Amino acid sequence: MNIVVFGGSGMIGQRVSREALNRGHNVTAVVRNPAQFPFTHPNLTVKTGNMLNPAEVAQLVAGHDAVVNATRQPSGVAGQTYSDAAHALIEGLTRAGVQRLIVVGGAGRLEVAPGLRLVDTPDFPPAWRPGALGMRDALDIYRTSDLDWTYFSPAGMIAPGERTGHYRTGTDQLVTNENGESRISAEDYAVALLDELENPRFIRRRFTAAY
């Protein structure tokens, strides 16, 4: 499979790229500074590109089988950036005839109780709220597209760690363990994302994964 990863040098993006390469796929990582990409691989191509420009998106993704959007909001930029990216990706992929898209989303809109989202709980960090609301708006945009999109929300806590190959999935509710914790390593998040690319179960749906 030929895969484009926007934000391929970020915490999640580089792990998605490495997991895909280790499974024998070809990866085009789109980043701001190719010279700073953290590793090399014979099946890896690193490019620069503006994900907010539909024409550039179309050029970058043409001839590929799937696209992963692993970009994060630049510091100090309003949450509208996520909506802009959603519109540009949808238009660019449509122009290029690429149907499959997986979006690295956020956990803020997942429910922790019936009708109560994580972003609305008292302990949700205020600094994270604009980004969570921006991702919420972007999800609504993806839902209007004709692409085979999947919106992949992580656990409540995600950080670099061990690749175990094990995880549990859910859809609209936060997945927690017996202690009420919701967490996953970035490595196992990448495993779950590639599992979804190779064996789709959540086409035009949101899902989440945690231990």
C-alpha atoms as a PDB file:
ATOM      1  CA  MET A   1       0.000   0.000   0.000  1.00  0.00           C
ATOM      2  CA  ASN A   2       1.220   3.521  -0.807  1.00  0.00           C
ATOM      3  CA  ILE A   3       0.426   5.823   2.111  1.00  0.00           C
ATOM      4  CA  VAL A   4       0.781   9.578   2.577  1.00  0.00           C
ATOM      5  CA  VAL A   5       1.241  10.751   6.167  1.00  0.00           C
ATOM      6  CA  PHE A   6       0.706  14.471   6.731  1.00  0.00           C
ATOM      7  CA  GLY A   7       2.540  15.498   9.895  1.00  0.00           C
ATOM      8  CA  GLY A   8       4.819  12.503   9.507  1.00  0.00           C
ATOM      9  CA  SER A   9       7.518  13.821  11.852  1.00  0.00           C
ATOM     10  CA  GLY A  10       5.241  14.439  14.849  1.00  0.00           C
ATOM     11  CA  MET A  11       4.923  12.172  17.880  1.00  0.00           C
ATOM     12  CA  ILE A  12       2.143  10.138  16.303  1.00  0.00           C
ATOM     13  CA  GLY A  13       2.997  10.719  12.656  1.00  0.00           C
ATOM     14  CA  GLN A  14       6.504   9.323  12.856  1.00  0.00           C
ATOM     15  CA  ARG A  15       5.274   6.227  14.675  1.00  0.00           C
ATOM     16  CA  VAL A  16       2.540   5.693  12.102  1.00  0.00           C
ATOM     17  CA  SER A  17       5.170   6.083   9.380  1.00  0.00           C
ATOM     18  CA  ARG A  18       7.535   3.606  11.024  1.00  0.00           C
ATOM     19  CA  GLU A  19       4.774   1.070  11.704  1.00  0.00           C
ATOM     20  CA  ALA A  20       3.631   1.276   8.072  1.00  0.00           C
ATOM     21  CA  LEU A  21       7.194   0.839   6.800  1.00  0.00           C
ATOM     22  CA  ASN A  22       7.796  -2.130   9.094  1.00  0.00           C
ATOM     23  CA  ARG A  23       4.705  -3.773   7.588  1.00  0.00           C
ATOM     24  CA  GLY A  24       6.081  -3.406   4.078  1.00  0.00           C
ATOM     25  CA  HIS A  25       4.132  -0.346   2.925  1.00  0.00           C
ATOM     26  CA  ASN A  26       5.541   2.646   1.059  1.00  0.00           C
ATOM     27  CA  VAL A  27       5.265   5.956   2.939  1.00  0.00           C
ATOM     28  CA  THR A  28       5.374   9.555   1.769  1.00  0.00           C
ATOM     29  CA  ALA A  29       5.776  11.715   4.874  1.00  0.00           C
ATOM     30  CA  VAL A  30       4.744  15.352   4.409  1.00  0.00           C
ATOM     31  CA  VAL A  31       6.534  17.583   6.923  1.00  0.00           C
ATOM     32  CA  ARG A  32       7.684  21.164   7.414  1.00  0.00           C
ATOM     33  CA  ASN A  33      11.414  20.401   7.443  1.00  0.00           C
ATOM     34  CA  PRO A  34      12.521  17.188   5.676  1.00  0.00           C
ATOM     35  CA  ALA A  35      16.103  17.659   6.878  1.00  0.00           C
ATOM     36  CA  GLN A  36      14.956  17.090  10.454  1.00  0.00           C
ATOM     37  CA  PHE A  37      13.028  13.879   9.798  1.00  0.00           C
ATOM     38  CA  PRO A  38      14.161  11.444  12.517  1.00  0.00           C
ATOM     39  CA  PHE A  39      14.932   8.344  10.410  1.00  0.00           C
ATOM     40  CA  THR A  40      15.478   6.984   6.911  1.00  0.00           C
ATOM     41  CA  HIS A  41      14.122   3.910   5.137  1.00  0.00           C
ATOM     42  CA  PRO A  42      14.327   2.613   1.566  1.00  0.00           C
ATOM     43  CA  ASN A  43      10.533   2.830   1.194  1.00  0.00           C
ATOM     44  CA  LEU A  44      10.240   6.308   2.759  1.00  0.00           C
ATOM     45  CA  THR A  45       9.938   9.570   0.838  1.00  0.00           C
ATOM     46  CA  VAL A  46       9.931  12.848   2.766  1.00  0.00           C
ATOM     47  CA  LYS A  47       8.388  15.961   1.205  1.00  0.00           C
ATOM     48  CA  THR A  48       7.244  19.427   2.160  1.00  0.00           C
ATOM     49  CA  GLY A  49       3.755  20.600   1.383  1.00  0.00           C
ATOM     50  CA  ASN A  50       0.928  22.889   2.446  1.00  0.00           C
ATOM     51  CA  MET A  51      -1.982  20.782   3.645  1.00  0.00           C
ATOM     52  CA  LEU A  52      -4.248  23.839   3.558  1.00  0.00           C
ATOM     53  CA  ASN A  53      -3.812  24.135  -0.230  1.00  0.00           C
ATOM     54  CA  PRO A  54      -6.126  21.678  -2.023  1.00  0.00           C
ATOM     55  CA  ALA A  55      -4.057  21.821  -5.225  1.00  0.00           C
ATOM     56  CA  GLU A  56      -0.881  20.873  -3.341  1.00  0.00           C
ATOM     57  CA  VAL A  57      -2.748  18.149  -1.486  1.00  0.00           C
ATOM     58  CA  ALA A  58      -3.953  16.702  -4.783  1.00  0.00           C
ATOM     59  CA  GLN A  59      -0.397  16.651  -6.172  1.00  0.00           C
ATOM     60  CA  LEU A  60       1.049  15.052  -3.048  1.00  0.00           C
ATOM     61  CA  VAL A  61      -1.534  12.273  -2.732  1.00  0.00           C
ATOM     62  CA  ALA A  62      -1.998  11.398  -6.416  1.00  0.00           C
ATOM     63  CA  GLY A  63      -1.240   7.734  -7.072  1.00  0.00           C
ATOM     64  CA  HIS A  64      -1.462   6.746  -3.395  1.00  0.00           C
ATOM     65  CA  ASP A  65      -3.875   4.305  -1.809  1.00  0.00           C
ATOM     66  CA  ALA A  66      -4.522   6.054   1.500  1.00  0.00           C
ATOM     67  CA  VAL A  67      -3.846   9.252   3.406  1.00  0.00           C
ATOM     68  CA  VAL A  68      -3.268   9.751   7.130  1.00  0.00           C
ATOM     69  CA  ASN A  69      -3.722  13.224   8.597  1.00  0.00           C
ATOM     70  CA  ALA A  70      -1.532  13.268  11.719  1.00  0.00           C
ATOM     71  CA  THR A  71      -0.975  17.028  11.849  1.00  0.00           C
ATOM     72  CA  ARG A  72      -1.505  19.000  15.026  1.00  0.00           C
ATOM     73  CA  GLN A  73      -2.600  22.584  15.543  1.00  0.00           C
ATOM     74  CA  PRO A  74       0.311  25.080  15.414  1.00  0.00           C
ATOM     75  CA  SER A  75       0.866  26.865  18.701  1.00  0.00           C
ATOM     76  CA  GLY A  76      -1.241  29.976  19.049  1.00  0.00           C
ATOM     77  CA  VAL A  77      -3.466  29.274  16.056  1.00  0.00           C
ATOM     78  CA  ALA A  78      -7.227  29.160  16.576  1.00  0.00           C
ATOM     79  CA  GLY A  79      -9.077  25.849  16.338  1.00  0.00           C
ATOM     80  CA  GLN A  80     -10.483  26.857  12.953  1.00  0.00           C
ATOM     81  CA  THR A  81      -7.253  25.464  11.464  1.00  0.00           C
ATOM     82  CA  TYR A  82      -8.652  21.952  11.824  1.00  0.00           C
ATOM     83  CA  SER A  83     -11.721  22.911   9.794  1.00  0.00           C
ATOM     84  CA  ASP A  84      -9.566  24.513   7.113  1.00  0.00           C
ATOM     85  CA  ALA A  85      -7.480  21.347   6.918  1.00  0.00           C
ATOM     86  CA  ALA A  86     -10.575  19.168   6.680  1.00  0.00           C
ATOM     87  CA  HIS A  87     -11.958  21.164   3.753  1.00  0.00           C
ATOM     88  CA  ALA A  88      -8.588  21.180   1.960  1.00  0.00           C
ATOM     89  CA  LEU A  89      -8.016  17.457   2.450  1.00  0.00           C
ATOM     90  CA  ILE A  90     -11.473  16.536   1.235  1.00  0.00           C
ATOM     91  CA  GLU A  91     -11.090  18.700  -1.878  1.00  0.00           C
ATOM     92  CA  GLY A  92      -7.513  17.578  -2.569  1.00  0.00           C
ATOM     93  CA  LEU A  93      -8.202  13.864  -2.171  1.00  0.00           C
ATOM     94  CA  THR A  94     -11.323  14.166  -4.304  1.00  0.00           C
ATOM     95  CA  ARG A  95      -9.369  15.878  -7.080  1.00  0.00           C
ATOM     96  CA  ALA A  96      -6.701  13.158  -6.970  1.00  0.00           C
ATOM     97  CA  GLY A  97      -9.191  10.293  -6.829  1.00  0.00           C
ATOM     98  CA  VAL A  98      -7.908   9.002  -3.493  1.00  0.00           C
ATOM     99  CA  GLN A  99     -10.761   7.630  -1.417  1.00  0.00           C
ATOM    100  CA  ARG A 100      -9.264   6.418   1.879  1.00  0.00           C
ATOM    101  CA  LEU A 101      -8.490   8.860   4.698  1.00  0.00           C
ATOM    102  CA  ILE A 102      -7.716   8.301   8.370  1.00  0.00           C
ATOM    103  CA  VAL A 103      -7.658  11.367  10.617  1.00  0.00           C
ATOM    104  CA  VAL A 104      -5.748  11.415  13.896  1.00  0.00           C
ATOM    105  CA  GLY A 105      -8.319  13.113  16.092  1.00  0.00           C
ATOM    106  CA  GLY A 106      -8.684  14.015  19.727  1.00  0.00           C
ATOM    107  CA  ALA A 107     -10.361  12.383  22.709  1.00  0.00           C
ATOM    108  CA  GLY A 108     -12.229  15.491  23.887  1.00  0.00           C
ATOM    109  CA  ARG A 109     -15.505  14.694  22.165  1.00  0.00           C
ATOM    110  CA  LEU A 110     -15.695  11.120  23.484  1.00  0.00           C
ATOM    111  CA  GLU A 111     -18.346  10.486  26.107  1.00  0.00           C
ATOM    112  CA  VAL A 112     -17.331   9.654  29.671  1.00  0.00           C
ATOM    113  CA  ALA A 113     -21.000   9.258  30.697  1.00  0.00           C
ATOM    114  CA  PRO A 114     -24.257   9.447  28.737  1.00  0.00           C
ATOM    115  CA  GLY A 115     -24.429  12.949  27.275  1.00  0.00           C
ATOM    116  CA  LEU A 116     -21.187  14.086  28.977  1.00  0.00           C
ATOM    117  CA  ARG A 117     -18.124  14.571  26.783  1.00  0.00           C
ATOM    118  CA  LEU A 118     -14.575  14.540  28.106  1.00  0.00           C
ATOM    119  CA  VAL A 119     -14.050  18.151  26.962  1.00  0.00           C
ATOM    120  CA  ASP A 120     -16.928  19.270  29.196  1.00  0.00           C
ATOM    121  CA  THR A 121     -15.655  17.643  32.393  1.00  0.00           C
ATOM    122  CA  PRO A 122     -14.246  19.904  35.170  1.00  0.00           C
ATOM    123  CA  ASP A 123     -10.757  18.381  34.996  1.00  0.00           C
ATOM    124  CA  PHE A 124     -10.288  18.885  31.249  1.00  0.00           C
ATOM    125  CA  PRO A 125      -7.332  21.335  30.881  1.00  0.00           C
ATOM    126  CA  PRO A 126      -8.609  24.734  29.692  1.00  0.00           C
ATOM    127  CA  ALA A 127      -5.580  25.137  27.415  1.00  0.00           C
ATOM    128  CA  TRP A 128      -6.634  22.037  25.474  1.00  0.00           C
ATOM    129  CA  ARG A 129     -10.240  23.122  25.016  1.00  0.00           C
ATOM    130  CA  PRO A 130      -9.859  25.280  21.851  1.00  0.00           C
ATOM    131  CA  GLY A 131      -8.075  22.451  20.059  1.00  0.00           C
ATOM    132  CA  ALA A 132     -10.669  19.916  21.194  1.00  0.00           C
ATOM    133  CA  LEU A 133     -13.487  22.114  19.927  1.00  0.00           C
ATOM    134  CA  GLY A 134     -11.621  22.654  16.657  1.00  0.00           C
ATOM    135  CA  MET A 135     -11.327  18.903  16.182  1.00  0.00           C
ATOM    136  CA  ARG A 136     -15.026  18.590  16.955  1.00  0.00           C
ATOM    137  CA  ASP A 137     -15.850  20.968  14.132  1.00  0.00           C
ATOM    138  CA  ALA A 138     -13.509  19.135  11.749  1.00  0.00           C
ATOM    139  CA  LEU A 139     -15.189  15.806  12.492  1.00  0.00           C
ATOM    140  CA  ASP A 140     -18.523  17.309  11.477  1.00  0.00           C
ATOM    141  CA  ILE A 141     -16.944  18.359   8.170  1.00  0.00           C
ATOM    142  CA  TYR A 142     -15.489  14.907   7.471  1.00  0.00           C
ATOM    143  CA  ARG A 143     -18.936  13.442   8.095  1.00  0.00           C
ATOM    144  CA  THR A 144     -20.314  15.430   5.151  1.00  0.00           C
ATOM    145  CA  SER A 145     -17.729  14.096   2.670  1.00  0.00           C
ATOM    146  CA  ASP A 146     -18.004  11.176   0.257  1.00  0.00           C
ATOM    147  CA  LEU A 147     -14.538   9.895   1.158  1.00  0.00           C
ATOM    148  CA  ASP A 148     -13.990   6.609   2.968  1.00  0.00           C
ATOM    149  CA  TRP A 149     -12.870   8.478   6.070  1.00  0.00           C
ATOM    150  CA  THR A 150     -12.169   7.225   9.571  1.00  0.00           C
ATOM    151  CA  TYR A 151     -11.724   9.543  12.552  1.00  0.00           C
ATOM    152  CA  PHE A 152      -9.437   7.886  15.103  1.00  0.00           C
ATOM    153  CA  SER A 153      -9.595   9.357  18.617  1.00  0.00           C
ATOM    154  CA  PRO A 154      -6.835   8.270  21.002  1.00  0.00           C
ATOM    155  CA  ALA A 155      -7.204   7.381  24.637  1.00  0.00           C
ATOM    156  CA  GLY A 156      -7.445  10.150  27.199  1.00  0.00           C
ATOM    157  CA  MET A 157      -3.668   9.984  27.654  1.00  0.00           C
ATOM    158  CA  ILE A 158      -1.264   9.145  24.832  1.00  0.00           C
ATOM    159  CA  ALA A 159       2.528   9.312  25.032  1.00  0.00           C
ATOM    160  CA  PRO A 160       5.602   7.538  23.661  1.00  0.00           C
ATOM    161  CA  GLY A 161       6.056   4.118  25.192  1.00  0.00           C
ATOM    162  CA  GLU A 162       6.118   0.411  24.472  1.00  0.00           C
ATOM    163  CA  ARG A 163       4.755  -1.326  21.401  1.00  0.00           C
ATOM    164  CA  THR A 164       2.758  -4.258  22.784  1.00  0.00           C
ATOM    165  CA  GLY A 165       0.452  -4.860  19.822  1.00  0.00           C
ATOM    166  CA  HIS A 166      -2.521  -5.032  22.197  1.00  0.00           C
ATOM    167  CA  TYR A 167      -5.392  -2.571  22.582  1.00  0.00           C
ATOM    168  CA  ARG A 168      -9.177  -2.398  22.913  1.00  0.00           C
ATOM    169  CA  THR A 169     -11.421  -0.381  20.648  1.00  0.00           C
ATOM    170  CA  GLY A 170     -14.596   1.627  21.139  1.00  0.00           C
ATOM    171  CA  THR A 171     -16.633   4.116  19.150  1.00  0.00           C
ATOM    172  CA  ASP A 172     -18.144   7.165  20.868  1.00  0.00           C
ATOM    173  CA  GLN A 173     -17.262   6.381  24.496  1.00  0.00           C
ATOM    174  CA  LEU A 174     -13.885   6.782  26.173  1.00  0.00           C
ATOM    175  CA  VAL A 175     -12.267   3.352  26.669  1.00  0.00           C
ATOM    176  CA  THR A 176     -10.981   2.884  30.226  1.00  0.00           C
ATOM    177  CA  ASN A 177      -9.360   0.062  32.200  1.00  0.00           C
ATOM    178  CA  GLU A 178     -10.486  -1.451  35.495  1.00  0.00           C
ATOM    179  CA  ASN A 179      -8.948   1.504  37.350  1.00  0.00           C
ATOM    180  CA  GLY A 180     -10.848   4.060  35.280  1.00  0.00           C
ATOM    181  CA  GLU A 181      -7.705   5.072  33.354  1.00  0.00           C
ATOM    182  CA  SER A 182      -7.749   5.774  29.629  1.00  0.00           C
ATOM    183  CA  ARG A 183      -4.308   5.531  28.100  1.00  0.00           C
ATOM    184  CA  ILE A 184      -2.333   4.097  25.191  1.00  0.00           C
ATOM    185  CA  SER A 185       1.229   4.389  23.933  1.00  0.00           C
ATOM    186  CA  ALA A 186       1.797   6.256  20.681  1.00  0.00           C
ATOM    187  CA  GLU A 187       3.343   3.033  19.369  1.00  0.00           C
ATOM    188  CA  ASP A 188       0.196   0.973  19.984  1.00  0.00           C
ATOM    189  CA  TYR A 189      -1.961   3.790  18.637  1.00  0.00           C
ATOM    190  CA  ALA A 190       0.033   3.432  15.409  1.00  0.00           C
ATOM    191  CA  VAL A 191      -0.561  -0.337  15.483  1.00  0.00           C
ATOM    192  CA  ALA A 192      -4.314   0.217  15.765  1.00  0.00           C
ATOM    193  CA  LEU A 193      -4.265   2.787  12.964  1.00  0.00           C
ATOM    194  CA  LEU A 194      -2.422   0.467  10.569  1.00  0.00           C
ATOM    195  CA  ASP A 195      -4.719  -2.401  11.539  1.00  0.00           C
ATOM    196  CA  GLU A 196      -7.641  -0.207  10.475  1.00  0.00           C
ATOM    197  CA  LEU A 197      -5.946   0.696   7.188  1.00  0.00           C
ATOM    198  CA  GLU A 198      -5.236  -2.937   6.369  1.00  0.00           C
ATOM    199  CA  ASN A 199      -8.534  -4.367   7.602  1.00  0.00           C
ATOM    200  CA  PRO A 200     -11.133  -1.571   7.709  1.00  0.00           C
ATOM    201  CA  ARG A 201     -13.874  -1.816  10.324  1.00  0.00           C
ATOM    202  CA  PHE A 202     -14.744   1.846  10.852  1.00  0.00           C
ATOM    203  CA  ILE A 203     -15.362   3.328   7.414  1.00  0.00           C
ATOM    204  CA  ARG A 204     -17.135   6.713   7.757  1.00  0.00           C
ATOM    205  CA  ARG A 205     -17.135   6.319  11.523  1.00  0.00           C
ATOM    206  CA  ARG A 206     -15.176   7.441  14.547  1.00  0.00           C
ATOM    207  CA  PHE A 207     -13.379   4.957  16.766  1.00  0.00           C
ATOM    208  CA  THR A 208     -11.000   5.027  19.664  1.00  0.00           C
ATOM    209  CA  ALA A 209      -8.442   2.690  21.205  1.00  0.00           C
ATOM    210  CA  ALA A 210      -6.949   2.235  24.675  1.00  0.00           C
ATOM    211  CA  TYR A 211      -5.638  -0.497  26.944  1.00  0.00           C
END
